[in-house]
Amino acid sequence: MAINASIVGATGYTGQELIDILLSHPHVRLTGLYSTTDEPKPIGALVPRFARRTDLVCKKFNPAEAAARSDVVFLALPHTQAMDVVPGMLKAGKFVVDLSADYRFKDIKVYENAYHFKHKDKGNLSRAVYGLPEIYREKIKNTKFVANPGCYPTCAILALAPLLAEPCVELDSLIIDAKSGTTGAGKKAVQESLFTEVDEDFKAYKVNSHQHMPEINQELGRLAGEEVEAVFVPHLLPLKRGILETIYLKTNKKLTTESALALYQRFYKNEPFVRVRPDGFPGLKDVAFTNFCDIGIKVFGKDIIVIAAIDNLLKGASGQAVQNLNIMMDYPETAGLL
């Protein structure tokens, strides 16, 4: 049985990816597209790649209309804006997948410190399920409200989950060296993301102070069963899309590359979108335009190196959002994604 879906924030990068996926989804009818546009316009006029694929018109967001024509609402809004929309959609009984950071934290103070904004909807924080299927699938099956993870955290958590769940590492040795394409910053016009600023350059930014750090630490701490404070250094690649994270840590048990690979293969044996690489490490081309997370691991004495790669717009955002929808609606998890 098909369901009706709307996207709020349809013209941003993640919104466009959602349109692309849902137009081909076998169980979803795309019935509403909303953005900040003042005048309704065909989405094909705003985003030419959708011309002739759909006749849908993108309108200024109307909560009552969106609720009336939707079973599920995807919120592809900037951080701090989703909390204005979520309460009404949940009250109307809709399934909600929020791609912003507004409901990822259980501690409201952590959110407010990371995003420098006072949260307006504390009551619904406890209702949101953190939408990382490989870790929280059973909770996702039984909720109507998913907080889709951030792109850097998705890659880091999947890269480290088997080691922390075991446990077999020294938590205070954890260093995450991350690199992302420019679409990770969203569509807003900022000098740092201009082509002439990014092209032929490579640099770190927000060194050990990125807003995704507390999200990473929250989820790694849940897996480890104790507080985790990773060193996290993001870098900006002169590319449009993709995240690659090289992670360094030390083992506190006897571990070899072979036993580490076996650990990862057991942990992810039933996961449709995690590929453990027995032959080395992944590159960005291996995962671009897919919902896969590819992971490679090697052990050098007590030192462990894990390298993971995802497409930040798909497994790091819109693809994962649809994966979560599939789980909530009891559709095949790969529907629309393979």
Protein backbone atom coordinates (compact mmCIF):
# COMPACT_ATOMS: atom_id res chain seq x y z
CA MET A 1 0.00 0.00 0.00
CA ALA A 2 1.45 3.36 -1.04
CA ILE A 3 1.68 6.30 1.32
CA ASN A 4 1.69 10.04 0.63
CA ALA A 5 4.81 12.04 1.40
CA SER A 6 5.68 15.73 1.56
CA ILE A 7 9.07 17.42 1.73
CA VAL A 8 9.56 20.69 3.58
CA GLY A 9 12.74 22.32 2.31
CA ALA A 10 12.46 20.72 -1.12
CA THR A 11 14.92 22.92 -3.01
CA GLY A 12 17.95 22.41 -0.76
CA TYR A 13 20.52 19.73 -1.49
CA THR A 14 18.96 17.14 0.82
CA GLY A 15 15.46 18.06 -0.34
CA GLN A 16 16.44 17.51 -3.95
CA GLU A 17 17.94 14.12 -3.12
CA LEU A 18 14.71 13.16 -1.36
CA ILE A 19 12.68 14.12 -4.43
CA ASP A 20 14.97 12.05 -6.63
CA ILE A 21 14.61 8.95 -4.42
CA LEU A 22 10.90 9.24 -3.69
CA LEU A 23 9.89 9.75 -7.33
CA SER A 24 11.16 6.22 -7.95
CA HIS A 25 10.07 4.66 -4.65
CA PRO A 26 7.64 1.78 -5.23
CA HIS A 27 5.56 2.49 -2.11
CA VAL A 28 5.52 6.31 -1.91
CA ARG A 29 3.50 8.99 -3.69
CA LEU A 30 5.15 12.38 -3.53
CA THR A 31 2.24 14.75 -2.91
CA GLY A 32 3.70 17.97 -1.50
CA LEU A 33 6.81 20.09 -1.99
CA TYR A 34 7.46 23.17 0.11
CA SER A 35 10.19 25.80 0.34
CA THR A 36 10.63 29.48 1.10
CA THR A 37 9.46 30.47 -2.39
CA ASP A 38 7.02 33.38 -2.42
CA GLU A 39 5.18 32.23 -5.52
CA PRO A 40 4.26 28.62 -6.35
CA LYS A 41 6.45 27.25 -9.14
CA PRO A 42 6.80 23.82 -10.77
CA ILE A 43 9.71 22.03 -9.17
CA GLY A 44 11.01 21.39 -12.69
CA ALA A 45 11.36 25.15 -13.16
CA LEU A 46 13.24 25.57 -9.88
CA VAL A 47 15.35 22.43 -10.31
CA PRO A 48 15.52 21.61 -14.04
CA ARG A 49 16.57 17.98 -13.57
CA PHE A 50 13.03 17.25 -12.37
CA ALA A 51 11.37 18.69 -15.48
CA ARG A 52 9.07 16.08 -17.06
CA ARG A 53 9.71 13.71 -14.15
CA THR A 54 6.96 15.33 -12.09
CA ASP A 55 4.36 18.06 -12.43
CA LEU A 56 4.44 18.88 -8.71
CA VAL A 57 4.46 22.53 -7.77
CA CYS A 58 6.71 23.78 -4.99
CA LYS A 59 4.87 26.14 -2.64
CA LYS A 60 5.46 28.19 0.45
CA PHE A 61 5.00 25.91 3.44
CA ASN A 62 1.44 25.58 4.67
CA PRO A 63 1.28 23.28 7.74
CA ALA A 64 -2.43 22.51 7.43
CA GLU A 65 -2.14 21.64 3.74
CA ALA A 66 0.96 19.50 4.29
CA ALA A 67 -0.74 17.58 7.08
CA ALA A 68 -3.89 17.05 5.01
CA ARG A 69 -2.09 15.63 2.00
CA SER A 70 0.64 13.62 3.75
CA ASP A 71 1.10 10.43 5.72
CA VAL A 72 4.79 11.23 6.26
CA VAL A 73 6.57 14.57 6.29
CA PHE A 74 10.29 14.90 5.63
CA LEU A 75 11.82 18.03 7.14
CA ALA A 76 14.89 19.09 5.16
CA LEU A 77 15.14 22.40 6.99
CA PRO A 78 18.10 24.31 8.41
CA HIS A 79 18.96 23.57 12.03
CA THR A 80 16.70 25.42 14.55
CA GLN A 81 13.72 25.57 12.14
CA ALA A 82 12.32 22.05 12.41
CA MET A 83 11.19 22.58 16.00
CA ASP A 84 8.62 25.06 14.69
CA VAL A 85 7.06 22.38 12.48
CA VAL A 86 7.41 19.09 14.36
CA PRO A 87 4.81 19.66 17.14
CA GLY A 88 2.00 20.34 14.68
CA MET A 89 2.83 17.38 12.46
CA LEU A 90 3.02 14.98 15.40
CA LYS A 91 -0.22 16.33 16.83
CA ALA A 92 -1.83 15.67 13.44
CA GLY A 93 -0.68 12.04 13.70
CA LYS A 94 1.86 12.20 10.89
CA PHE A 95 5.08 10.23 10.56
CA VAL A 96 7.97 12.68 10.71
CA VAL A 97 11.58 12.30 9.58
CA ASP A 98 13.61 15.33 10.61
CA LEU A 99 16.95 15.74 8.83
CA SER A 100 18.10 18.62 11.06
CA ALA A 101 19.88 18.40 14.41
CA ASP A 102 16.92 19.71 16.40
CA TYR A 103 15.91 16.39 17.97
CA ARG A 104 19.12 14.34 17.95
CA PHE A 105 20.10 15.13 21.54
CA LYS A 106 18.49 13.81 24.69
CA ASP A 107 20.12 16.56 26.78
CA ILE A 108 18.64 19.88 25.71
CA LYS A 109 21.61 21.80 27.09
CA VAL A 110 23.98 19.90 24.80
CA TYR A 111 21.92 20.97 21.80
CA GLU A 112 21.74 24.58 22.93
CA ASN A 113 25.49 24.74 23.53
CA ALA A 114 26.30 23.17 20.16
CA TYR A 115 23.87 25.19 18.05
CA HIS A 116 23.70 28.39 20.14
CA PHE A 117 19.91 28.40 20.09
CA LYS A 118 17.28 27.92 22.77
CA HIS A 119 15.19 24.83 22.05
CA LYS A 120 11.44 25.50 21.76
CA ASP A 121 10.09 21.94 21.91
CA LYS A 122 11.62 20.12 24.86
CA GLY A 123 8.53 17.94 25.22
CA ASN A 124 9.13 16.05 21.97
CA LEU A 125 12.85 15.38 22.48
CA SER A 126 12.07 12.16 24.32
CA ARG A 127 9.76 10.99 21.50
CA ALA A 128 12.43 11.21 18.81
CA VAL A 129 14.35 8.05 17.92
CA TYR A 130 17.90 8.55 16.69
CA GLY A 131 17.65 7.24 13.15
CA LEU A 132 20.74 5.11 12.66
CA PRO A 133 19.18 1.83 11.46
CA GLU A 134 22.22 -0.34 12.11
CA ILE A 135 22.05 0.51 15.82
CA TYR A 136 18.43 1.47 16.54
CA ARG A 137 16.37 -0.54 14.02
CA GLU A 138 13.95 -1.97 16.59
CA LYS A 139 13.20 1.45 18.05
CA ILE A 140 12.72 2.92 14.58
CA LYS A 141 10.16 0.20 13.80
CA ASN A 142 8.00 1.37 16.69
CA THR A 143 8.10 5.15 16.32
CA LYS A 144 6.45 7.83 14.21
CA PHE A 145 9.25 10.34 14.75
CA VAL A 146 12.86 9.90 13.64
CA ALA A 147 15.73 12.32 14.17
CA ASN A 148 17.96 11.57 11.19
CA PRO A 149 21.66 11.55 12.19
CA GLY A 150 24.25 14.01 10.97
CA CYS A 151 26.58 13.04 8.14
CA TYR A 152 29.88 13.12 10.06
CA PRO A 153 28.32 11.20 12.99
CA THR A 154 26.82 8.53 10.71
CA CYS A 155 30.22 7.75 9.25
CA ALA A 156 32.04 7.85 12.61
CA ILE A 157 29.51 5.75 14.53
CA LEU A 158 29.33 3.04 11.88
CA ALA A 159 33.12 2.99 11.65
CA LEU A 160 33.50 2.46 15.40
CA ALA A 161 30.41 0.60 16.59
CA PRO A 162 31.83 -2.95 16.47
CA LEU A 163 34.94 -1.98 18.44
CA LEU A 164 33.03 -0.06 21.11
CA ALA A 165 30.28 -2.65 21.50
CA GLU A 166 32.86 -5.42 22.11
CA PRO A 167 34.60 -3.49 23.94
CA CYS A 168 38.25 -3.75 22.98
CA VAL A 169 39.71 -0.24 22.67
CA GLU A 170 41.15 2.52 24.82
CA LEU A 171 38.51 5.22 24.61
CA ASP A 172 40.89 8.07 25.44
CA SER A 173 42.95 7.27 22.32
CA LEU A 174 40.19 8.07 19.82
CA ILE A 175 41.05 10.53 17.01
CA ILE A 176 38.66 11.12 14.09
CA ASP A 177 40.21 12.80 11.03
CA ALA A 178 37.27 13.63 8.75
CA LYS A 179 36.94 15.12 5.29
CA SER A 180 33.76 16.29 3.56
CA GLY A 181 32.64 17.73 0.26
CA THR A 182 31.13 21.21 0.17
CA THR A 183 27.47 20.12 0.03
CA GLY A 184 27.83 19.19 3.70
CA ALA A 185 27.49 22.88 4.51
CA GLY A 186 24.12 23.15 2.77
CA LYS A 187 23.00 25.48 0.01
CA LYS A 188 23.36 28.79 1.82
CA ALA A 189 25.80 31.21 0.22
CA VAL A 190 28.86 31.63 2.42
CA GLN A 191 32.31 32.76 1.36
CA GLU A 192 34.06 29.62 2.63
CA SER A 193 32.03 27.43 0.25
CA LEU A 194 32.45 29.50 -2.91
CA PHE A 195 34.11 27.68 -5.79
CA THR A 196 37.04 30.10 -5.93
CA GLU A 197 37.66 29.61 -2.21
CA VAL A 198 37.48 25.81 -2.27
CA ASP A 199 39.03 24.92 -5.61
CA GLU A 200 42.66 23.74 -5.42
CA ASP A 201 42.64 24.01 -1.63
CA PHE A 202 42.31 21.66 1.33
CA LYS A 203 41.97 22.81 4.92
CA ALA A 204 40.76 21.95 8.38
CA TYR A 205 37.95 23.94 10.00
CA LYS A 206 36.22 24.05 13.38
CA VAL A 207 39.10 22.00 14.77
CA ASN A 208 37.83 19.96 17.72
CA SER A 209 34.89 22.36 18.02
CA HIS A 210 32.46 21.24 15.28
CA GLN A 211 28.77 21.09 16.21
CA HIS A 212 28.69 17.37 15.32
CA MET A 213 31.20 16.52 18.06
CA PRO A 214 28.66 16.22 20.90
CA GLU A 215 26.42 14.09 18.68
CA ILE A 216 29.32 11.75 17.93
CA ASN A 217 30.29 11.58 21.60
CA GLN A 218 26.69 10.98 22.70
CA GLU A 219 26.26 7.97 20.45
CA LEU A 220 29.73 6.52 20.95
CA GLY A 221 29.16 6.83 24.70
CA ARG A 222 25.92 4.85 24.40
CA LEU A 223 27.74 2.09 22.57
CA ALA A 224 30.66 2.04 25.00
CA GLY A 225 28.51 2.34 28.11
CA GLU A 226 30.62 5.22 29.40
CA GLU A 227 31.53 8.79 28.52
CA VAL A 228 33.48 9.29 25.31
CA GLU A 229 35.33 12.44 24.25
CA ALA A 230 36.83 11.91 20.82
CA VAL A 231 39.21 14.33 19.14
CA PHE A 232 37.42 15.38 15.96
CA VAL A 233 39.04 17.36 13.15
CA PRO A 234 36.93 18.02 10.03
CA HIS A 235 38.40 19.14 6.71
CA LEU A 236 36.82 20.66 3.61
CA LEU A 237 37.50 18.87 0.33
CA PRO A 238 37.33 20.66 -3.04
CA LEU A 239 34.55 18.24 -4.05
CA LYS A 240 30.75 18.42 -4.13
CA ARG A 241 29.88 15.31 -2.15
CA GLY A 242 31.30 12.53 -0.01
CA ILE A 243 32.77 11.98 3.45
CA LEU A 244 35.87 9.97 4.28
CA GLU A 245 36.96 9.52 7.89
CA THR A 246 40.30 8.10 9.01
CA ILE A 247 40.05 7.05 12.64
CA TYR A 248 42.94 6.22 14.95
CA LEU A 249 42.69 4.39 18.26
CA LYS A 250 44.45 1.79 20.40
CA THR A 251 43.31 -1.68 21.37
CA ASN A 252 43.40 -2.93 24.95
CA LYS A 253 43.07 -6.59 23.90
CA LYS A 254 44.90 -8.94 21.60
CA LEU A 255 43.64 -7.97 18.18
CA THR A 256 44.86 -8.60 14.64
CA THR A 257 43.66 -7.30 11.30
CA GLU A 258 42.07 -10.69 10.64
CA SER A 259 40.22 -10.82 13.97
CA ALA A 260 39.14 -7.19 13.62
CA LEU A 261 37.73 -7.86 10.15
CA ALA A 262 35.91 -10.90 11.50
CA LEU A 263 34.43 -8.74 14.28
CA TYR A 264 33.15 -6.19 11.76
CA GLN A 265 31.80 -8.85 9.42
CA ARG A 266 29.82 -10.45 12.27
CA PHE A 267 28.50 -7.12 13.51
CA TYR A 268 27.29 -6.03 10.06
CA LYS A 269 26.47 -9.41 8.49
CA ASN A 270 22.77 -8.59 8.06
CA GLU A 271 23.13 -4.90 7.20
CA PRO A 272 22.14 -4.08 3.62
CA PHE A 273 24.02 -0.78 3.47
CA VAL A 274 27.30 -1.48 5.28
CA ARG A 275 30.10 -3.10 3.32
CA VAL A 276 33.18 -4.27 5.21
CA ARG A 277 36.21 -4.23 2.96
CA PRO A 278 38.40 -7.32 3.45
CA ASP A 279 40.90 -6.11 0.87
CA GLY A 280 41.82 -2.64 2.14
CA PHE A 281 40.30 0.79 2.54
CA PRO A 282 37.47 2.57 0.66
CA GLY A 283 37.61 5.75 -1.38
CA LEU A 284 34.89 8.29 -2.06
CA LYS A 285 34.19 6.98 -5.56
CA ASP A 286 33.22 3.65 -4.01
CA VAL A 287 30.20 5.17 -2.26
CA ALA A 288 29.31 8.34 -4.22
CA PHE A 289 25.63 8.43 -5.24
CA THR A 290 24.84 5.37 -3.07
CA ASN A 291 23.41 4.72 0.39
CA PHE A 292 26.37 2.51 1.34
CA CYS A 293 28.91 2.96 4.10
CA ASP A 294 32.17 1.20 3.21
CA ILE A 295 34.60 0.38 6.02
CA GLY A 296 38.17 -0.91 6.08
CA ILE A 297 40.26 -1.74 9.15
CA LYS A 298 43.87 -2.67 9.86
CA VAL A 299 45.71 -3.34 13.11
CA PHE A 300 49.37 -2.47 13.67
CA GLY A 301 50.36 -3.86 17.05
CA LYS A 302 48.20 -1.88 19.49
CA ASP A 303 47.27 0.75 16.90
CA ILE A 304 44.04 0.43 14.95
CA ILE A 305 43.22 2.40 11.82
CA VAL A 306 39.63 2.43 10.57
CA ILE A 307 38.68 4.22 7.35
CA ALA A 308 35.02 4.69 6.42
CA ALA A 309 33.35 6.48 3.52
CA ILE A 310 29.78 7.58 2.77
CA ASP A 311 27.95 9.92 0.43
CA ASN A 312 27.05 12.78 2.78
CA LEU A 313 23.81 13.55 0.90
CA LEU A 314 22.58 9.94 0.86
CA LYS A 315 23.72 7.68 3.72
CA GLY A 316 24.59 10.92 5.51
CA ALA A 317 21.16 12.48 4.96
CA SER A 318 18.39 11.74 2.43
CA GLY A 319 19.13 8.09 1.67
CA GLN A 320 19.21 7.30 5.36
CA ALA A 321 15.97 9.24 5.83
CA VAL A 322 14.25 7.00 3.29
CA GLN A 323 15.86 3.92 4.87
CA ASN A 324 14.27 5.02 8.14
CA LEU A 325 10.89 5.51 6.45
CA ASN A 326 11.11 2.00 5.02
CA ILE A 327 11.71 0.59 8.48
CA MET A 328 8.89 2.59 10.07
CA MET A 329 6.43 1.48 7.39
CA ASP A 330 7.66 -2.13 7.30
CA TYR A 331 8.69 -1.84 3.65
CA PRO A 332 11.76 -3.66 2.33
CA GLU A 333 14.62 -1.64 3.80
CA THR A 334 16.27 -1.20 0.43
CA ALA A 335 13.11 0.09 -1.32
CA GLY A 336 13.96 3.07 -3.50
CA LEU A 337 17.62 2.87 -2.54
CA LEU A 338 19.03 0.04 -4.66
